[in-house]
Amino acid sequence: MTTGIGAFVGKIIGGISENVIAMCLSFAAGAMLYIVSVELIPESNGLYKGKLATMGTIIGFILGLIAVNI
């Protein structure tokens, strides 16, 4: 139900201007980066006790940056 409400509000707010959409998407991207950096990376390092999780994260960030610039 909350997803439907969020989609409805997003449709209304998105109709205002493209700048509003850009700000909302940048906020969502920042929130996702925070979740990955603070919650998932330390948890994966604690579970696997190795460098594989860290290397996977670094490679993922690099691939994401490359994909954005293509």
PDB file of N, CA and C in Angstrom:
ATOM      1  N   MET A   1       0.820  -1.193   0.000  1.00  0.00           N
ATOM      2  CA  MET A   1       0.000   0.000   0.000  1.00  0.00           C
ATOM      3  C   MET A   1       0.869   1.263   0.000  1.00  0.00           C
ATOM      4  N   THR A   2       1.960   1.232   0.766  1.00  0.00           N
ATOM      5  CA  THR A   2       2.826   2.418   0.802  1.00  0.00           C
ATOM      6  C   THR A   2       3.497   2.663  -0.541  1.00  0.00           C
ATOM      7  N   THR A   3       3.779   1.603  -1.286  1.00  0.00           N
ATOM      8  CA  THR A   3       4.380   1.773  -2.609  1.00  0.00           C
ATOM      9  C   THR A   3       3.412   2.482  -3.545  1.00  0.00           C
ATOM     10  N   GLY A   4       2.159   2.106  -3.484  1.00  0.00           N
ATOM     11  CA  GLY A   4       1.149   2.761  -4.315  1.00  0.00           C
ATOM     12  C   GLY A   4       0.988   4.232  -3.970  1.00  0.00           C
ATOM     13  N   ILE A   5       0.977   4.534  -2.666  1.00  0.00           N
ATOM     14  CA  ILE A   5       0.874   5.931  -2.235  1.00  0.00           C
ATOM     15  C   ILE A   5       2.102   6.711  -2.690  1.00  0.00           C
ATOM     16  N   GLY A   6       3.286   6.102  -2.541  1.00  0.00           N
ATOM     17  CA  GLY A   6       4.518   6.764  -2.982  1.00  0.00           C
ATOM     18  C   GLY A   6       4.538   7.005  -4.475  1.00  0.00           C
ATOM     19  N   ALA A   7       4.032   6.037  -5.254  1.00  0.00           N
ATOM     20  CA  ALA A   7       3.976   6.221  -6.699  1.00  0.00           C
ATOM     21  C   ALA A   7       3.011   7.348  -7.071  1.00  0.00           C
ATOM     22  N   PHE A   8       1.895   7.416  -6.372  1.00  0.00           N
ATOM     23  CA  PHE A   8       0.933   8.484  -6.626  1.00  0.00           C
ATOM     24  C   PHE A   8       1.523   9.854  -6.309  1.00  0.00           C
ATOM     25  N   VAL A   9       2.163   9.969  -5.157  1.00  0.00           N
ATOM     26  CA  VAL A   9       2.794  11.234  -4.770  1.00  0.00           C
ATOM     27  C   VAL A   9       3.924  11.582  -5.739  1.00  0.00           C
ATOM     28  N   GLY A  10       4.693  10.573  -6.142  1.00  0.00           N
ATOM     29  CA  GLY A  10       5.772  10.804  -7.111  1.00  0.00           C
ATOM     30  C   GLY A  10       5.256  11.293  -8.445  1.00  0.00           C
ATOM     31  N   LYS A  11       4.116  10.773  -8.868  1.00  0.00           N
ATOM     32  CA  LYS A  11       3.513  11.227 -10.131  1.00  0.00           C
ATOM     33  C   LYS A  11       3.098  12.687 -10.028  1.00  0.00           C
ATOM     34  N   ILE A  12       2.518  13.061  -8.899  1.00  0.00           N
ATOM     35  CA  ILE A  12       2.093  14.455  -8.712  1.00  0.00           C
ATOM     36  C   ILE A  12       3.306  15.383  -8.647  1.00  0.00           C
ATOM     37  N   ILE A  13       4.291  15.008  -7.830  1.00  0.00           N
ATOM     38  CA  ILE A  13       5.478  15.851  -7.678  1.00  0.00           C
ATOM     39  C   ILE A  13       6.294  15.887  -8.971  1.00  0.00           C
ATOM     40  N   GLY A  14       6.365  14.750  -9.668  1.00  0.00           N
ATOM     41  CA  GLY A  14       7.132  14.692 -10.908  1.00  0.00           C
ATOM     42  C   GLY A  14       6.561  15.553 -12.011  1.00  0.00           C
ATOM     43  N   GLY A  15       5.273  15.841 -11.925  1.00  0.00           N
ATOM     44  CA  GLY A  15       4.656  16.682 -12.935  1.00  0.00           C
ATOM     45  C   GLY A  15       4.997  18.150 -12.780  1.00  0.00           C
ATOM     46  N   ILE A  16       5.590  18.518 -11.669  1.00  0.00           N
ATOM     47  CA  ILE A  16       5.913  19.928 -11.426  1.00  0.00           C
ATOM     48  C   ILE A  16       7.029  20.382 -12.369  1.00  0.00           C
ATOM     49  N   SER A  17       8.178  19.707 -12.318  1.00  0.00           N
ATOM     50  CA  SER A  17       9.279  20.053 -13.221  1.00  0.00           C
ATOM     51  C   SER A  17      10.317  18.941 -13.219  1.00  0.00           C
ATOM     52  N   GLU A  18      11.191  18.981 -14.194  1.00  0.00           N
ATOM     53  CA  GLU A  18      12.254  17.986 -14.289  1.00  0.00           C
ATOM     54  C   GLU A  18      13.276  18.165 -13.166  1.00  0.00           C
ATOM     55  N   ASN A  19      13.441  19.377 -12.672  1.00  0.00           N
ATOM     56  CA  ASN A  19      14.381  19.613 -11.575  1.00  0.00           C
ATOM     57  C   ASN A  19      13.932  18.915 -10.303  1.00  0.00           C
ATOM     58  N   VAL A  20      12.638  18.873 -10.069  1.00  0.00           N
ATOM     59  CA  VAL A  20      12.113  18.184  -8.890  1.00  0.00           C
ATOM     60  C   VAL A  20      12.387  16.689  -9.001  1.00  0.00           C
ATOM     61  N   ILE A  21      12.189  16.132 -10.182  1.00  0.00           N
ATOM     62  CA  ILE A  21      12.481  14.716 -10.399  1.00  0.00           C
ATOM     63  C   ILE A  21      13.961  14.442 -10.153  1.00  0.00           C
ATOM     64  N   ALA A  22      14.828  15.300 -10.647  1.00  0.00           N
ATOM     65  CA  ALA A  22      16.270  15.125 -10.463  1.00  0.00           C
ATOM     66  C   ALA A  22      16.641  15.166  -8.987  1.00  0.00           C
ATOM     67  N   MET A  23      16.049  16.085  -8.230  1.00  0.00           N
ATOM     68  CA  MET A  23      16.351  16.168  -6.801  1.00  0.00           C
ATOM     69  C   MET A  23      15.858  14.929  -6.057  1.00  0.00           C
ATOM     70  N   CYS A  24      14.673  14.453  -6.396  1.00  0.00           N
ATOM     71  CA  CYS A  24      14.138  13.257  -5.744  1.00  0.00           C
ATOM     72  C   CYS A  24      14.995  12.029  -6.047  1.00  0.00           C
ATOM     73  N   LEU A  25      15.411  11.889  -7.298  1.00  0.00           N
ATOM     74  CA  LEU A  25      16.252  10.749  -7.657  1.00  0.00           C
ATOM     75  C   LEU A  25      17.626  10.827  -7.008  1.00  0.00           C
ATOM     76  N   SER A  26      18.177  12.030  -6.892  1.00  0.00           N
ATOM     77  CA  SER A  26      19.480  12.159  -6.239  1.00  0.00           C
ATOM     78  C   SER A  26      19.371  11.849  -4.750  1.00  0.00           C
ATOM     79  N   PHE A  27      18.260  12.222  -4.125  1.00  0.00           N
ATOM     80  CA  PHE A  27      18.038  11.873  -2.721  1.00  0.00           C
ATOM     81  C   PHE A  27      17.939  10.356  -2.553  1.00  0.00           C
ATOM     82  N   ALA A  28      17.216   9.703  -3.459  1.00  0.00           N
ATOM     83  CA  ALA A  28      17.074   8.244  -3.390  1.00  0.00           C
ATOM     84  C   ALA A  28      18.417   7.553  -3.599  1.00  0.00           C
ATOM     85  N   ALA A  29      19.226   8.058  -4.512  1.00  0.00           N
ATOM     86  CA  ALA A  29      20.542   7.478  -4.752  1.00  0.00           C
ATOM     87  C   ALA A  29      21.448   7.654  -3.538  1.00  0.00           C
ATOM     88  N   GLY A  30      21.393   8.815  -2.920  1.00  0.00           N
ATOM     89  CA  GLY A  30      22.190   9.052  -1.715  1.00  0.00           C
ATOM     90  C   GLY A  30      21.762   8.155  -0.569  1.00  0.00           C
ATOM     91  N   ALA A  31      20.459   7.940  -0.425  1.00  0.00           N
ATOM     92  CA  ALA A  31      19.966   7.051   0.620  1.00  0.00           C
ATOM     93  C   ALA A  31      20.434   5.621   0.377  1.00  0.00           C
ATOM     94  N   MET A  32      20.425   5.188  -0.867  1.00  0.00           N
ATOM     95  CA  MET A  32      20.884   3.834  -1.183  1.00  0.00           C
ATOM     96  C   MET A  32      22.381   3.684  -0.932  1.00  0.00           C
ATOM     97  N   LEU A  33      23.161   4.697  -1.282  1.00  0.00           N
ATOM     98  CA  LEU A  33      24.600   4.645  -1.002  1.00  0.00           C
ATOM     99  C   LEU A  33      24.862   4.572   0.497  1.00  0.00           C
ATOM    100  N   TYR A  34      24.076   5.298   1.281  1.00  0.00           N
ATOM    101  CA  TYR A  34      24.229   5.249   2.735  1.00  0.00           C
ATOM    102  C   TYR A  34      23.930   3.847   3.260  1.00  0.00           C
ATOM    103  N   ILE A  35      22.855   3.259   2.790  1.00  0.00           N
ATOM    104  CA  ILE A  35      22.483   1.918   3.251  1.00  0.00           C
ATOM    105  C   ILE A  35      23.569   0.916   2.908  1.00  0.00           C
ATOM    106  N   VAL A  36      24.073   0.983   1.688  1.00  0.00           N
ATOM    107  CA  VAL A  36      25.119   0.043   1.271  1.00  0.00           C
ATOM    108  C   VAL A  36      26.388   0.261   2.075  1.00  0.00           C
ATOM    109  N   SER A  37      26.785   1.517   2.241  1.00  0.00           N
ATOM    110  CA  SER A  37      28.052   1.809   2.909  1.00  0.00           C
ATOM    111  C   SER A  37      28.025   1.512   4.395  1.00  0.00           C
ATOM    112  N   VAL A  38      26.926   1.828   5.060  1.00  0.00           N
ATOM    113  CA  VAL A  38      26.880   1.718   6.513  1.00  0.00           C
ATOM    114  C   VAL A  38      26.365   0.356   6.981  1.00  0.00           C
ATOM    115  N   GLU A  39      25.453  -0.234   6.233  1.00  0.00           N
ATOM    116  CA  GLU A  39      24.824  -1.467   6.698  1.00  0.00           C
ATOM    117  C   GLU A  39      25.369  -2.718   6.004  1.00  0.00           C
ATOM    118  N   LEU A  40      25.385  -2.720   4.690  1.00  0.00           N
ATOM    119  CA  LEU A  40      25.674  -3.960   3.964  1.00  0.00           C
ATOM    120  C   LEU A  40      27.155  -4.317   3.912  1.00  0.00           C
ATOM    121  N   ILE A  41      28.018  -3.338   3.688  1.00  0.00           N
ATOM    122  CA  ILE A  41      29.445  -3.644   3.575  1.00  0.00           C
ATOM    123  C   ILE A  41      30.009  -4.186   4.889  1.00  0.00           C
ATOM    124  N   PRO A  42      29.769  -3.548   6.034  1.00  0.00           N
ATOM    125  CA  PRO A  42      30.285  -4.133   7.280  1.00  0.00           C
ATOM    126  C   PRO A  42      29.678  -5.505   7.594  1.00  0.00           C
ATOM    127  N   GLU A  43      28.423  -5.678   7.269  1.00  0.00           N
ATOM    128  CA  GLU A  43      27.781  -6.977   7.517  1.00  0.00           C
ATOM    129  C   GLU A  43      28.413  -8.070   6.662  1.00  0.00           C
ATOM    130  N   SER A  44      28.654  -7.778   5.389  1.00  0.00           N
ATOM    131  CA  SER A  44      29.255  -8.785   4.517  1.00  0.00           C
ATOM    132  C   SER A  44      30.693  -9.081   4.929  1.00  0.00           C
ATOM    133  N   ASN A  45      31.432  -8.079   5.374  1.00  0.00           N
ATOM    134  CA  ASN A  45      32.799  -8.324   5.856  1.00  0.00           C
ATOM    135  C   ASN A  45      32.790  -9.170   7.120  1.00  0.00           C
ATOM    136  N   GLY A  46      31.808  -8.947   7.986  1.00  0.00           N
ATOM    137  CA  GLY A  46      31.701  -9.744   9.202  1.00  0.00           C
ATOM    138  C   GLY A  46      31.306 -11.180   8.928  1.00  0.00           C
ATOM    139  N   LEU A  47      30.467 -11.399   7.936  1.00  0.00           N
ATOM    140  CA  LEU A  47      30.014 -12.758   7.622  1.00  0.00           C
ATOM    141  C   LEU A  47      31.086 -13.579   6.928  1.00  0.00           C
ATOM    142  N   TYR A  48      31.774 -12.990   5.968  1.00  0.00           N
ATOM    143  CA  TYR A  48      32.701 -13.759   5.145  1.00  0.00           C
ATOM    144  C   TYR A  48      34.149 -13.621   5.563  1.00  0.00           C
ATOM    145  N   LYS A  49      34.475 -12.674   6.423  1.00  0.00           N
ATOM    146  CA  LYS A  49      35.821 -12.495   6.964  1.00  0.00           C
ATOM    147  C   LYS A  49      36.903 -12.511   5.878  1.00  0.00           C
ATOM    148  N   GLY A  50      36.657 -11.801   4.823  1.00  0.00           N
ATOM    149  CA  GLY A  50      37.640 -11.787   3.749  1.00  0.00           C
ATOM    150  C   GLY A  50      37.562 -10.519   2.938  1.00  0.00           C
ATOM    151  N   LYS A  51      38.383 -10.505   1.905  1.00  0.00           N
ATOM    152  CA  LYS A  51      38.467  -9.335   1.044  1.00  0.00           C
ATOM    153  C   LYS A  51      37.531  -9.427  -0.147  1.00  0.00           C
ATOM    154  N   LEU A  52      36.892 -10.576  -0.329  1.00  0.00           N
ATOM    155  CA  LEU A  52      36.043 -10.775  -1.503  1.00  0.00           C
ATOM    156  C   LEU A  52      34.867  -9.800  -1.524  1.00  0.00           C
ATOM    157  N   ALA A  53      34.226  -9.594  -0.384  1.00  0.00           N
ATOM    158  CA  ALA A  53      33.086  -8.672  -0.332  1.00  0.00           C
ATOM    159  C   ALA A  53      33.528  -7.245  -0.622  1.00  0.00           C
ATOM    160  N   THR A  54      34.659  -6.840  -0.083  1.00  0.00           N
ATOM    161  CA  THR A  54      35.160  -5.486  -0.315  1.00  0.00           C
ATOM    162  C   THR A  54      35.548  -5.300  -1.780  1.00  0.00           C
ATOM    163  N   MET A  55      36.217  -6.283  -2.344  1.00  0.00           N
ATOM    164  CA  MET A  55      36.602  -6.189  -3.749  1.00  0.00           C
ATOM    165  C   MET A  55      35.365  -6.161  -4.646  1.00  0.00           C
ATOM    166  N   GLY A  56      34.354  -6.945  -4.330  1.00  0.00           N
ATOM    167  CA  GLY A  56      33.118  -6.924  -5.104  1.00  0.00           C
ATOM    168  C   GLY A  56      32.435  -5.576  -5.050  1.00  0.00           C
ATOM    169  N   THR A  57      32.454  -4.960  -3.880  1.00  0.00           N
ATOM    170  CA  THR A  57      31.856  -3.631  -3.727  1.00  0.00           C
ATOM    171  C   THR A  57      32.610  -2.591  -4.543  1.00  0.00           C
ATOM    172  N   ILE A  58      33.928  -2.624  -4.481  1.00  0.00           N
ATOM    173  CA  ILE A  58      34.741  -1.673  -5.241  1.00  0.00           C
ATOM    174  C   ILE A  58      34.520  -1.852  -6.738  1.00  0.00           C
ATOM    175  N   ILE A  59      34.512  -3.087  -7.198  1.00  0.00           N
ATOM    176  CA  ILE A  59      34.277  -3.350  -8.621  1.00  0.00           C
ATOM    177  C   ILE A  59      32.882  -2.888  -9.033  1.00  0.00           C
ATOM    178  N   GLY A  60      31.903  -3.105  -8.162  1.00  0.00           N
ATOM    179  CA  GLY A  60      30.545  -2.657  -8.458  1.00  0.00           C
ATOM    180  C   GLY A  60      30.446  -1.152  -8.587  1.00  0.00           C
ATOM    181  N   PHE A  61      31.099  -0.409  -7.681  1.00  0.00           N
ATOM    182  CA  PHE A  61      31.098   1.044  -7.776  1.00  0.00           C
ATOM    183  C   PHE A  61      31.770   1.505  -9.063  1.00  0.00           C
ATOM    184  N   ILE A  62      32.888   0.890  -9.410  1.00  0.00           N
ATOM    185  CA  ILE A  62      33.598   1.269 -10.637  1.00  0.00           C
ATOM    186  C   ILE A  62      32.734   0.996 -11.861  1.00  0.00           C
ATOM    187  N   LEU A  63      32.101  -0.169 -11.915  1.00  0.00           N
ATOM    188  CA  LEU A  63      31.224  -0.483 -13.049  1.00  0.00           C
ATOM    189  C   LEU A  63      30.036   0.471 -13.110  1.00  0.00           C
ATOM    190  N   GLY A  64      29.514   0.852 -11.951  1.00  0.00           N
ATOM    191  CA  GLY A  64      28.421   1.817 -11.932  1.00  0.00           C
ATOM    192  C   GLY A  64      28.838   3.170 -12.466  1.00  0.00           C
ATOM    193  N   LEU A  65      30.034   3.609 -12.102  1.00  0.00           N
ATOM    194  CA  LEU A  65      30.528   4.887 -12.604  1.00  0.00           C
ATOM    195  C   LEU A  65      30.792   4.838 -14.109  1.00  0.00           C
ATOM    196  N   ILE A  66      31.280   3.711 -14.581  1.00  0.00           N
ATOM    197  CA  ILE A  66      31.523   3.558 -16.020  1.00  0.00           C
ATOM    198  C   ILE A  66      30.195   3.563 -16.769  1.00  0.00           C
ATOM    199  N   ALA A  67      29.196   2.861 -16.223  1.00  0.00           N
ATOM    200  CA  ALA A  67      27.890   2.777 -16.890  1.00  0.00           C
ATOM    201  C   ALA A  67      27.219   4.138 -16.971  1.00  0.00           C
ATOM    202  N   VAL A  68      27.412   4.974 -15.967  1.00  0.00           N
ATOM    203  CA  VAL A  68      26.806   6.308 -15.972  1.00  0.00           C
ATOM    204  C   VAL A  68      27.438   7.168 -17.049  1.00  0.00           C
ATOM    205  N   ASN A  69      28.721   6.995 -17.298  1.00  0.00           N
ATOM    206  CA  ASN A  69      29.430   7.839 -18.253  1.00  0.00           C
ATOM    207  C   ASN A  69      29.324   7.362 -19.685  1.00  0.00           C
ATOM    208  N   ILE A  70      28.710   6.233 -19.903  1.00  0.00           N
ATOM    209  CA  ILE A  70      28.600   5.716 -21.293  1.00  0.00           C
ATOM    210  C   ILE A  70      27.445   6.369 -22.000  1.00  0.00           C
TER     211      ILE A  70
END
